[in-house]
């Protein structure tokens, strides 16, 4: 176990080339020092869909969607017969109901939707007496009970929704207006995008100055908002603000040298972003042929449910099994005709299938080829479906990194759609509020531009960066646990419950 504390700093949507440009140009001097003193892994691969709810879950649990169960920013809950919306946009939140979305984002995501068959790093650390802390981050489940605080702009909403539930998180949890483990002189700003880094920095100063953590998840989400609005090529300004927020941590310790004597640092992004110019109205396109479930609609009369997930999407085929099987094939035929749908995938028996431009590839776990992470697969069909090549029994795709494992996990997740879609370059799905970020930046697709982001290791065990050929977000939890000398996960000891059986709270409940 290291004598140093550990700070896991997550800068939302950070692109590797923008980080290095900001560091070289002087806009991010503290991040530049971390790069100088540590090691940069430039191509850490995100979850699929490469959106924050799925990626944050992977970071905190160390497993992928088939095990942590969070399938994206919007998904269809079959057992409850409704969509779950995690705030794709304010307009989408309003379409499903502000109160219901508040419950799903703040409470149900952690307490109901996130699998209880796996443990978070906060739970693992808490069990070993390691003090943990977290500034606002989507996934925070831990062992300490926190009562609702009700401050600031969300107070009226929470009161109107009868939102009064305590939650469970790390020892020190700060979730803006809703939860705060102690009184701090920091103005909560959870409800105002573009101001959240400032709140994290303020809370972080308190945590450092008062020695309140051994492990700190320090979340800096504003780069995502800036990049969505102005495009990923405009990240220098928002990276500079993130750097300034991190600098406040160092200053609270007496300067960067002292801070790094006391703390190891992992700096990473949950995913990247790419420029989008063209809206893809998938629900509307499918709605011309089938009855698509609308927000808060009655699923009894619907034939499809459609979940837009930024630059990805899920389609759920509803109804009686025999008719659903025929409809599945018909939907695939329609997807081939829709501009902006680059590829789509589904499960067929014990195999996954991915189709792109008329090429089809089938795969399952096996021993025929090995990917860059050392996982074995049996593949058959056309490698062009993933622009892949096999050389000396080694499977690789530069365009769709770690594609087999990411698709396999996403398709086998309990809340996954029957069809998963990845959008073509430049396209973003229109969400249920009628909104896209076009023209601007977005993410979510299987492509490298959406999925590959930086991972910087500073002060960890020497040579750690050389232990894997292809790093992924699911490796981060092990880095954290290894730093504190905590052994293998005890996931197998968790009680098994089928998907959807953990109680969710209803509006006003």
Protein backbone atom coordinates (compact mmCIF):
# COMPACT_ATOMS: atom_id res chain seq x y z
CA UNK A 1 0.00 0.00 0.00
CA UNK A 2 1.32 3.45 -0.95
CA UNK A 3 1.78 6.08 1.77
CA UNK A 4 0.35 8.66 -0.61
CA UNK A 5 -3.25 9.63 -0.94
CA UNK A 6 -4.80 9.34 -4.39
CA UNK A 7 -6.76 11.87 -6.44
CA UNK A 8 -8.72 10.57 -9.43
CA UNK A 9 -9.44 13.65 -11.56
CA UNK A 10 -12.05 13.13 -14.29
CA UNK A 11 -12.24 15.89 -16.92
CA UNK A 12 -15.37 15.19 -18.93
CA UNK A 13 -14.90 14.82 -22.74
CA UNK A 14 -11.18 15.65 -22.66
CA UNK A 15 -9.39 14.85 -25.93
CA UNK A 16 -5.74 13.79 -25.79
CA UNK A 17 -4.48 16.16 -28.47
CA UNK A 18 -6.30 19.09 -26.86
CA UNK A 19 -4.80 18.27 -23.47
CA UNK A 20 -1.27 18.16 -24.88
CA UNK A 21 -1.85 21.35 -26.90
CA UNK A 22 -3.14 23.17 -23.81
CA UNK A 23 -0.14 21.94 -21.83
CA UNK A 24 2.44 22.91 -24.48
CA UNK A 25 0.87 26.31 -25.06
CA UNK A 26 0.80 27.31 -21.39
CA UNK A 27 -2.98 27.24 -20.97
CA UNK A 28 -2.80 24.29 -18.55
CA UNK A 29 0.46 24.60 -16.58
CA UNK A 30 -0.52 22.25 -13.75
CA UNK A 31 -1.68 19.52 -16.13
CA UNK A 32 1.61 20.11 -17.99
CA UNK A 33 3.47 19.31 -14.77
CA UNK A 34 1.47 16.11 -14.35
CA UNK A 35 2.37 15.10 -17.90
CA UNK A 36 6.03 15.94 -17.26
CA UNK A 37 6.25 14.03 -13.99
CA UNK A 38 3.95 11.16 -14.94
CA UNK A 39 3.07 8.99 -17.92
CA UNK A 40 0.49 9.67 -20.64
CA UNK A 41 -1.57 6.85 -22.11
CA UNK A 42 -3.13 8.57 -25.10
CA UNK A 43 -5.70 5.97 -26.11
CA UNK A 44 -7.66 4.76 -23.09
CA UNK A 45 -10.88 3.35 -24.54
CA UNK A 46 -14.31 4.32 -23.26
CA UNK A 47 -17.43 2.25 -22.79
CA UNK A 48 -20.03 1.83 -25.53
CA UNK A 49 -22.16 3.84 -25.84
CA UNK A 50 -19.40 6.34 -25.04
CA UNK A 51 -21.58 8.61 -22.89
CA UNK A 52 -21.08 9.74 -19.31
CA UNK A 53 -23.56 7.50 -17.42
CA UNK A 54 -22.10 4.30 -18.90
CA UNK A 55 -18.51 5.52 -18.73
CA UNK A 56 -18.78 6.82 -15.15
CA UNK A 57 -20.23 3.48 -14.10
CA UNK A 58 -17.31 1.68 -15.71
CA UNK A 59 -14.76 3.92 -13.98
CA UNK A 60 -16.27 3.44 -10.52
CA UNK A 61 -17.10 -0.30 -10.74
CA UNK A 62 -14.27 -1.58 -12.94
CA UNK A 63 -16.71 -3.57 -15.07
CA UNK A 64 -18.62 -2.95 -18.28
CA UNK A 65 -22.38 -2.52 -18.95
CA UNK A 66 -23.22 -6.22 -18.94
CA UNK A 67 -22.22 -6.21 -15.26
CA UNK A 68 -22.86 -2.67 -14.01
CA UNK A 69 -26.16 -2.40 -15.99
CA UNK A 70 -26.10 1.31 -16.94
CA UNK A 71 -26.70 1.25 -20.69
CA UNK A 72 -26.61 4.91 -21.63
CA UNK A 73 -28.20 8.31 -21.11
CA UNK A 74 -31.63 7.06 -22.21
CA UNK A 75 -32.94 3.48 -22.08
CA UNK A 76 -36.19 1.57 -21.95
CA UNK A 77 -37.06 -0.12 -18.66
CA UNK A 78 -38.98 -3.21 -19.79
CA UNK A 79 -40.19 -4.25 -16.35
CA UNK A 80 -41.53 -0.74 -15.61
CA UNK A 81 -42.73 -0.05 -19.15
CA UNK A 82 -41.09 3.37 -19.39
CA UNK A 83 -38.05 5.25 -20.61
CA UNK A 84 -35.32 6.23 -18.17
CA UNK A 85 -33.84 9.63 -19.03
CA UNK A 86 -30.61 10.80 -17.40
CA UNK A 87 -30.64 14.36 -18.68
CA UNK A 88 -29.66 14.20 -22.36
CA UNK A 89 -30.84 17.80 -22.52
CA UNK A 90 -33.07 20.06 -20.47
CA UNK A 91 -35.74 19.67 -23.16
CA UNK A 92 -35.55 15.86 -22.94
CA UNK A 93 -35.79 16.08 -19.17
CA UNK A 94 -38.94 18.18 -19.49
CA UNK A 95 -40.42 15.72 -22.00
CA UNK A 96 -40.24 12.90 -19.46
CA UNK A 97 -41.03 15.07 -16.47
CA UNK A 98 -38.56 17.09 -14.44
CA UNK A 99 -39.46 15.33 -11.19
CA UNK A 100 -39.15 11.83 -12.60
CA UNK A 101 -35.80 12.61 -14.23
CA UNK A 102 -34.55 14.09 -10.96
CA UNK A 103 -35.31 10.79 -9.22
CA UNK A 104 -33.68 8.74 -11.96
CA UNK A 105 -30.51 10.82 -12.22
CA UNK A 106 -29.83 11.56 -8.58
CA UNK A 107 -31.23 8.56 -6.76
CA UNK A 108 -32.33 5.61 -8.91
CA UNK A 109 -29.18 5.56 -11.05
CA UNK A 110 -27.08 4.68 -8.00
CA UNK A 111 -29.55 3.01 -5.67
CA UNK A 112 -31.66 1.01 -8.14
CA UNK A 113 -30.33 0.91 -11.70
CA UNK A 114 -26.63 0.37 -10.93
CA UNK A 115 -26.16 -3.34 -10.29
CA UNK A 116 -25.88 -4.48 -6.69
CA UNK A 117 -23.98 -7.53 -7.90
CA UNK A 118 -20.82 -5.44 -8.19
CA UNK A 119 -19.20 -3.08 -5.73
CA UNK A 120 -17.97 0.43 -6.39
CA UNK A 121 -14.52 1.65 -5.44
CA UNK A 122 -16.18 3.72 -2.70
CA UNK A 123 -17.72 0.58 -1.23
CA UNK A 124 -14.49 -1.40 -1.48
CA UNK A 125 -12.42 1.38 0.08
CA UNK A 126 -14.98 1.97 2.81
CA UNK A 127 -14.90 -1.70 3.77
CA UNK A 128 -11.13 -1.39 4.34
CA UNK A 129 -11.33 1.82 6.34
CA UNK A 130 -9.92 4.00 3.55
CA UNK A 131 -11.49 7.47 3.70
CA UNK A 132 -13.07 8.44 0.40
CA UNK A 133 -14.55 11.67 -0.96
CA UNK A 134 -16.32 12.75 -4.13
CA UNK A 135 -17.24 16.04 -5.75
CA UNK A 136 -20.33 15.91 -8.05
CA UNK A 137 -20.11 12.72 -10.14
CA UNK A 138 -22.91 10.60 -11.52
CA UNK A 139 -21.85 7.37 -9.81
CA UNK A 140 -21.07 7.74 -6.13
CA UNK A 141 -22.57 4.74 -4.28
CA UNK A 142 -20.75 3.98 -1.03
CA UNK A 143 -21.21 2.84 2.57
CA UNK A 144 -22.02 6.14 4.31
CA UNK A 145 -25.58 7.44 4.64
CA UNK A 146 -26.17 11.05 3.62
CA UNK A 147 -29.35 12.97 4.30
CA UNK A 148 -30.84 15.32 1.73
CA UNK A 149 -29.55 18.87 2.09
CA UNK A 150 -31.87 20.92 -0.15
CA UNK A 151 -29.99 24.06 -1.07
CA UNK A 152 -29.95 26.51 -3.95
CA UNK A 153 -31.80 26.32 -7.27
CA UNK A 154 -32.96 22.71 -6.93
CA UNK A 155 -34.66 23.24 -3.58
CA UNK A 156 -38.04 24.17 -5.07
CA UNK A 157 -37.91 21.25 -7.49
CA UNK A 158 -36.99 18.75 -4.77
CA UNK A 159 -39.69 20.03 -2.42
CA UNK A 160 -42.33 19.97 -5.15
CA UNK A 161 -41.32 16.41 -6.08
CA UNK A 162 -41.38 15.30 -2.42
CA UNK A 163 -37.79 14.24 -2.96
CA UNK A 164 -36.63 13.51 0.54
CA UNK A 165 -34.58 10.32 0.34
CA UNK A 166 -31.22 9.83 1.96
CA UNK A 167 -28.56 8.21 -0.17
CA UNK A 168 -25.40 6.16 0.33
CA UNK A 169 -22.02 7.42 -0.82
CA UNK A 170 -18.39 7.89 0.17
CA UNK A 171 -17.45 9.34 3.56
CA UNK A 172 -17.45 12.84 2.10
CA UNK A 173 -20.10 13.37 -0.58
CA UNK A 174 -20.79 16.71 -2.24
CA UNK A 175 -23.58 16.66 -4.81
CA UNK A 176 -24.35 20.31 -5.29
CA UNK A 177 -27.68 21.47 -3.95
CA UNK A 178 -28.86 18.03 -2.83
CA UNK A 179 -26.24 16.28 -0.70
CA UNK A 180 -23.37 17.67 1.33
CA UNK A 181 -21.65 15.64 4.02
CA UNK A 182 -20.60 18.80 5.86
CA UNK A 183 -21.18 22.53 5.67
CA UNK A 184 -18.71 24.22 3.31
CA UNK A 185 -18.53 27.80 2.14
CA UNK A 186 -19.10 26.80 -1.48
CA UNK A 187 -22.02 27.89 -3.59
CA UNK A 188 -23.69 24.79 -5.08
CA UNK A 189 -24.12 24.95 -8.85
CA UNK A 190 -25.31 21.51 -9.91
CA UNK A 191 -28.25 22.98 -11.82
CA UNK A 192 -26.11 25.38 -13.90
CA UNK A 193 -23.82 23.78 -16.52
CA UNK A 194 -20.59 25.66 -17.05
CA UNK A 195 -20.20 26.56 -13.37
CA UNK A 196 -19.63 23.14 -11.85
CA UNK A 197 -15.81 23.09 -11.97
CA UNK A 198 -15.81 26.12 -9.69
CA UNK A 199 -17.92 24.26 -7.11
CA UNK A 200 -15.68 21.16 -7.30
CA UNK A 201 -12.61 23.33 -6.80
CA UNK A 202 -14.13 25.03 -3.78
CA UNK A 203 -15.08 21.73 -2.16
CA UNK A 204 -11.70 20.27 -3.09
CA UNK A 205 -9.88 23.04 -1.28
CA UNK A 206 -11.79 22.19 1.89
CA UNK A 207 -11.03 18.49 1.55
CA UNK A 208 -7.31 19.06 1.03
CA UNK A 209 -6.87 21.78 3.64
CA UNK A 210 -8.66 19.77 6.33
CA UNK A 211 -7.17 16.36 5.45
CA UNK A 212 -10.59 14.76 4.87
CA UNK A 213 -9.73 11.97 2.41
CA UNK A 214 -7.36 9.21 1.44
CA UNK A 215 -9.04 8.85 -1.96
CA UNK A 216 -10.73 11.74 -3.77
CA UNK A 217 -12.71 11.51 -6.98
CA UNK A 218 -12.38 15.07 -8.27
CA UNK A 219 -14.88 15.65 -11.06
CA UNK A 220 -14.52 18.52 -13.55
CA UNK A 221 -17.51 18.31 -15.94
CA UNK A 222 -17.54 21.76 -17.58
CA UNK A 223 -15.26 20.82 -20.47
CA UNK A 224 -18.10 18.63 -21.77
CA UNK A 225 -20.60 21.51 -21.77
CA UNK A 226 -18.12 23.85 -23.48
CA UNK A 227 -17.21 21.27 -26.11
CA UNK A 228 -20.85 20.43 -26.85
CA UNK A 229 -21.54 24.10 -27.45
CA UNK A 230 -18.45 25.21 -29.34
CA UNK A 231 -17.00 21.97 -30.69
CA UNK A 232 -14.10 19.82 -29.46
CA UNK A 233 -11.55 21.99 -31.26
CA UNK A 234 -12.46 24.80 -28.81
CA UNK A 235 -11.47 22.87 -25.69
CA UNK A 236 -8.37 24.92 -24.84
CA UNK A 237 -10.42 27.50 -22.94
CA UNK A 238 -12.34 24.93 -20.90
CA UNK A 239 -9.21 22.86 -20.25
CA UNK A 240 -7.59 26.01 -18.87
CA UNK A 241 -10.50 26.38 -16.43
CA UNK A 242 -10.22 22.73 -15.42
CA UNK A 243 -6.48 23.20 -14.88
CA UNK A 244 -7.17 26.22 -12.69
CA UNK A 245 -9.62 24.17 -10.62
CA UNK A 246 -7.05 21.42 -10.10
CA UNK A 247 -4.45 24.05 -9.22
CA UNK A 248 -6.66 25.11 -6.31
CA UNK A 249 -6.21 21.62 -4.84
CA UNK A 250 -2.44 21.96 -5.08
CA UNK A 251 -2.46 25.45 -3.61
CA UNK A 252 -4.52 24.25 -0.65
CA UNK A 253 -1.69 21.82 0.13
CA UNK A 254 0.98 24.52 -0.09
CA UNK A 255 1.86 24.20 -3.76
CA UNK A 256 2.19 21.49 -6.39
CA UNK A 257 5.42 19.98 -5.03
CA UNK A 258 3.90 19.47 -1.59
CA UNK A 259 0.65 18.25 -3.09
CA UNK A 260 2.41 15.62 -5.21
CA UNK A 261 4.50 14.53 -2.24
CA UNK A 262 1.24 13.75 -0.48
CA UNK A 263 -0.92 12.59 -3.43
CA UNK A 264 -0.64 10.33 -6.41
CA UNK A 265 -2.82 11.50 -9.31
CA UNK A 266 -4.80 9.76 -12.03
CA UNK A 267 -6.04 12.25 -14.64
CA UNK A 268 -8.43 10.93 -17.24
CA UNK A 269 -11.51 11.57 -19.35
CA UNK A 270 -14.66 9.47 -19.43
CA UNK A 271 -14.76 9.72 -23.25
CA UNK A 272 -13.79 12.12 -26.03
CA UNK A 273 -15.87 14.29 -28.36
CA UNK A 274 -16.11 14.78 -32.10
CA UNK A 275 -17.74 17.49 -34.23
CA UNK A 276 -21.35 17.00 -35.31
CA UNK A 277 -23.24 18.88 -38.01
CA UNK A 278 -26.21 16.68 -38.98
CA UNK A 279 -29.24 15.69 -36.84
CA UNK A 280 -30.39 12.07 -37.05
CA UNK A 281 -34.12 11.84 -36.14
CA UNK A 282 -34.23 8.07 -35.63
CA UNK A 283 -37.49 7.88 -33.70
CA UNK A 284 -39.21 9.91 -36.39
CA UNK A 285 -37.74 7.75 -39.16
CA UNK A 286 -38.87 4.52 -37.54
CA UNK A 287 -42.18 6.08 -36.50
CA UNK A 288 -43.25 6.36 -40.13
CA UNK A 289 -43.51 2.54 -40.26
CA UNK A 290 -44.10 1.41 -36.66
CA UNK A 291 -45.80 2.70 -33.53
CA UNK A 292 -42.89 4.11 -31.50
CA UNK A 293 -43.42 4.57 -27.77
CA UNK A 294 -43.49 8.26 -26.89
CA UNK A 295 -42.28 9.79 -23.60
CA UNK A 296 -44.68 8.79 -20.81
CA UNK A 297 -46.75 6.85 -23.36
CA UNK A 298 -48.57 3.55 -22.94
CA UNK A 299 -46.30 0.67 -23.99
CA UNK A 300 -49.29 -1.62 -24.56
CA UNK A 301 -49.92 -0.19 -28.01
CA UNK A 302 -46.30 0.40 -29.01
CA UNK A 303 -44.28 -1.73 -31.41
CA UNK A 304 -40.88 -0.14 -30.78
CA UNK A 305 -39.14 1.86 -28.09
CA UNK A 306 -36.32 4.08 -29.31
CA UNK A 307 -33.58 5.46 -27.06
CA UNK A 308 -31.40 8.20 -28.59
CA UNK A 309 -27.99 8.20 -26.85
CA UNK A 310 -26.12 11.16 -28.41
CA UNK A 311 -24.13 9.48 -31.24
CA UNK A 312 -25.55 6.04 -30.45
CA UNK A 313 -29.04 4.63 -30.06
CA UNK A 314 -30.94 1.58 -28.88
CA UNK A 315 -34.07 0.12 -30.45
CA UNK A 316 -36.31 -2.17 -28.37
CA UNK A 317 -38.70 -4.45 -30.25
CA UNK A 318 -41.91 -4.75 -28.24
CA UNK A 319 -44.82 -7.14 -28.35
CA UNK A 320 -45.39 -10.86 -28.79
CA UNK A 321 -42.23 -12.87 -29.46
CA UNK A 322 -43.15 -14.34 -32.87
CA UNK A 323 -44.15 -10.98 -34.32
CA UNK A 324 -41.20 -9.28 -32.62
CA UNK A 325 -38.73 -11.60 -34.39
CA UNK A 326 -40.16 -10.65 -37.78
CA UNK A 327 -40.22 -6.98 -36.83
CA UNK A 328 -36.56 -7.17 -35.77
CA UNK A 329 -35.58 -8.16 -39.33
CA UNK A 330 -37.80 -5.43 -40.77
CA UNK A 331 -36.21 -2.79 -38.53
CA UNK A 332 -32.74 -3.90 -39.66
CA UNK A 333 -33.80 -3.46 -43.26
CA UNK A 334 -35.06 0.05 -42.47
CA UNK A 335 -31.86 0.99 -40.63
CA UNK A 336 -29.85 0.21 -43.77
CA UNK A 337 -31.74 3.00 -45.53
CA UNK A 338 -31.36 5.76 -42.91
CA UNK A 339 -28.65 8.34 -43.51
CA UNK A 340 -26.37 8.67 -40.51
CA UNK A 341 -26.66 5.08 -39.27
CA UNK A 342 -23.13 3.81 -39.74
CA UNK A 343 -23.43 0.37 -38.15
CA UNK A 344 -25.81 -1.60 -35.98
CA UNK A 345 -25.45 -4.73 -33.87
CA UNK A 346 -27.64 -7.34 -32.23
CA UNK A 347 -27.54 -10.73 -30.53
CA UNK A 348 -28.36 -13.87 -32.50
CA UNK A 349 -28.31 -16.99 -30.38
CA UNK A 350 -24.95 -17.22 -28.64
CA UNK A 351 -23.30 -14.77 -31.02
CA UNK A 352 -23.26 -11.03 -31.56
CA UNK A 353 -23.70 -9.66 -35.07
CA UNK A 354 -22.52 -6.32 -36.40
CA UNK A 355 -23.46 -4.97 -39.83
CA UNK A 356 -22.03 -2.02 -41.76
CA UNK A 357 -22.42 -1.12 -45.43
CA UNK A 358 -23.69 -4.59 -46.30
CA UNK A 359 -20.83 -6.38 -44.51
CA UNK A 360 -21.69 -8.63 -41.58
CA UNK A 361 -19.45 -10.04 -38.86
CA UNK A 362 -20.49 -12.57 -36.21
CA UNK A 363 -18.51 -13.16 -33.04
CA UNK A 364 -18.51 -14.66 -29.55
CA UNK A 365 -16.00 -15.36 -26.82
CA UNK A 366 -13.61 -18.14 -27.79
CA UNK A 367 -10.06 -18.89 -28.84
CA UNK A 368 -9.85 -18.19 -32.56
CA UNK A 369 -8.29 -14.70 -32.40
CA UNK A 370 -7.05 -12.46 -29.61
CA UNK A 371 -7.70 -8.72 -29.28
CA UNK A 372 -5.28 -6.08 -27.95
CA UNK A 373 -6.47 -6.66 -24.38
CA UNK A 374 -5.69 -10.37 -24.61
CA UNK A 375 -9.32 -11.53 -24.84
CA UNK A 376 -10.06 -14.45 -27.14
CA UNK A 377 -12.83 -14.46 -29.74
CA UNK A 378 -14.34 -16.62 -32.44
CA UNK A 379 -15.15 -14.50 -35.48
CA UNK A 380 -16.75 -15.34 -38.80
CA UNK A 381 -17.86 -13.21 -41.69
CA UNK A 382 -16.53 -10.00 -43.19
CA UNK A 383 -13.91 -8.10 -41.18
CA UNK A 384 -14.84 -4.99 -43.19
CA UNK A 385 -17.88 -4.61 -40.94
CA UNK A 386 -15.49 -3.23 -38.30
CA UNK A 387 -12.68 -2.15 -40.64
CA UNK A 388 -10.63 -4.78 -38.82
CA UNK A 389 -7.73 -6.99 -39.71
CA UNK A 390 -6.40 -10.25 -38.34
CA UNK A 391 -2.65 -10.77 -38.40
CA UNK A 392 -1.05 -13.76 -36.68
CA UNK A 393 -4.40 -14.52 -34.97
CA UNK A 394 -4.55 -11.00 -33.60
CA UNK A 395 -7.75 -8.98 -34.13
CA UNK A 396 -7.51 -5.20 -34.31
CA UNK A 397 -9.44 -2.21 -35.61
CA UNK A 398 -8.01 1.28 -35.58
CA UNK A 399 -11.39 2.82 -36.48
CA UNK A 400 -13.42 0.99 -33.80
CA UNK A 401 -11.09 0.34 -30.84
CA UNK A 402 -11.75 -2.72 -28.65
CA UNK A 403 -14.88 -3.17 -30.73
CA UNK A 404 -15.67 -6.81 -30.01
CA UNK A 405 -15.53 -6.52 -26.21
CA UNK A 406 -17.40 -3.21 -26.12
CA UNK A 407 -20.21 -4.42 -28.38
CA UNK A 408 -20.40 -7.78 -26.61
CA UNK A 409 -20.80 -6.13 -23.22
CA UNK A 410 -23.24 -3.47 -24.43
CA UNK A 411 -25.50 -6.02 -26.14
CA UNK A 412 -25.56 -8.37 -23.16
CA UNK A 413 -26.42 -5.67 -20.60
CA UNK A 414 -29.79 -6.30 -18.86
CA UNK A 415 -31.25 -2.99 -20.07
CA UNK A 416 -29.77 -3.13 -23.57
CA UNK A 417 -31.85 -2.60 -26.67
CA UNK A 418 -32.50 -5.38 -29.16
CA UNK A 419 -30.51 -3.34 -31.67
CA UNK A 420 -27.65 -0.97 -30.89
CA UNK A 421 -26.71 1.73 -33.37
CA UNK A 422 -23.54 3.74 -33.84
CA UNK A 423 -23.82 6.95 -35.84
CA UNK A 424 -21.71 7.97 -38.82
CA UNK A 425 -19.17 10.81 -38.51
CA UNK A 426 -20.87 14.19 -38.21
CA UNK A 427 -24.26 12.83 -37.08
CA UNK A 428 -25.97 13.05 -33.70
CA UNK A 429 -29.29 11.48 -32.70
CA UNK A 430 -32.16 13.87 -32.00
CA UNK A 431 -33.13 13.32 -28.36
CA UNK A 432 -36.69 13.08 -27.03
CA UNK A 433 -36.68 16.82 -26.41
CA UNK A 434 -36.06 17.43 -30.11
CA UNK A 435 -32.50 18.63 -29.37
CA UNK A 436 -29.03 17.97 -30.75
CA UNK A 437 -25.70 19.73 -30.30
CA UNK A 438 -25.44 20.41 -34.04
CA UNK A 439 -23.34 22.30 -34.93
CA UNK A 440 -21.00 21.53 -32.07
CA UNK A 441 -19.48 18.52 -30.35
CA UNK A 442 -20.86 15.16 -29.27
CA UNK A 443 -19.93 11.57 -28.45
CA UNK A 444 -21.43 8.14 -27.94
CA UNK A 445 -20.42 6.22 -31.06
CA UNK A 446 -18.13 3.19 -31.30
CA UNK A 447 -15.61 5.17 -33.33
CA UNK A 448 -12.15 6.12 -32.04
CA UNK A 449 -12.90 9.85 -32.20
CA UNK A 450 -15.70 9.39 -29.65
CA UNK A 451 -13.96 6.77 -27.57
CA UNK A 452 -10.20 7.29 -27.13
CA UNK A 453 -9.17 9.69 -24.39
CA UNK A 454 -6.14 10.42 -22.18
CA UNK A 455 -5.13 8.58 -19.02
CA UNK A 456 -2.29 10.22 -17.07
CA UNK A 457 -0.62 8.35 -14.21
CA UNK A 458 1.47 10.42 -11.82
CA UNK A 459 3.00 9.02 -8.65
CA UNK A 460 1.72 5.47 -9.01
CA UNK A 461 4.01 2.44 -8.96
CA UNK A 462 6.78 2.81 -11.58
CA UNK A 463 6.03 1.00 -14.81
CA UNK A 464 2.29 0.80 -14.22
CA UNK A 465 1.58 2.30 -17.64
CA UNK A 466 3.45 -0.57 -19.35
CA UNK A 467 1.26 -3.32 -17.89
CA UNK A 468 -1.37 -3.22 -20.65
CA UNK A 469 -1.24 -2.80 -24.40
CA UNK A 470 -4.77 -1.40 -24.61
CA UNK A 471 -6.06 0.49 -21.59
CA UNK A 472 -9.77 0.89 -20.91
CA UNK A 473 -11.90 2.70 -18.34
CA UNK A 474 -12.60 -0.61 -16.62
CA UNK A 475 -8.91 -0.73 -15.61
CA UNK A 476 -9.12 2.42 -13.50
CA UNK A 477 -10.81 0.83 -10.49
CA UNK A 478 -7.98 -1.69 -10.20
CA UNK A 479 -5.44 1.13 -10.30
CA UNK A 480 -7.22 2.74 -7.36
CA UNK A 481 -7.58 -0.48 -5.36
CA UNK A 482 -4.00 -1.57 -6.06
CA UNK A 483 -2.73 1.78 -4.83
CA UNK A 484 -4.30 1.06 -1.45
CA UNK A 485 -3.22 -2.58 -1.39
CA UNK A 486 -6.73 -3.98 -1.77
CA UNK A 487 -6.88 -7.38 -3.47
CA UNK A 488 -9.26 -9.05 -5.88
CA UNK A 489 -12.86 -7.93 -6.10
CA UNK A 490 -15.46 -9.82 -4.09
CA UNK A 491 -18.16 -9.43 -6.76
CA UNK A 492 -18.89 -13.16 -6.62
CA UNK A 493 -20.04 -12.75 -3.01
CA UNK A 494 -22.83 -10.36 -3.96
CA UNK A 495 -26.40 -11.65 -3.82
CA UNK A 496 -27.79 -12.26 -7.30
CA UNK A 497 -31.03 -10.55 -8.25
CA UNK A 498 -32.47 -10.41 -11.76
CA UNK A 499 -32.46 -7.11 -13.62
CA UNK A 500 -35.17 -4.69 -12.60
CA UNK A 501 -35.98 -6.20 -9.20
CA UNK A 502 -34.31 -3.54 -7.05
CA UNK A 503 -36.93 -1.02 -5.95
CA UNK A 504 -37.02 2.33 -7.71
CA UNK A 505 -38.59 5.40 -6.16
CA UNK A 506 -41.48 7.03 -7.95
CA UNK A 507 -42.22 10.74 -8.12
CA UNK A 508 -43.61 11.82 -4.79
CA UNK A 509 -42.85 8.41 -3.30
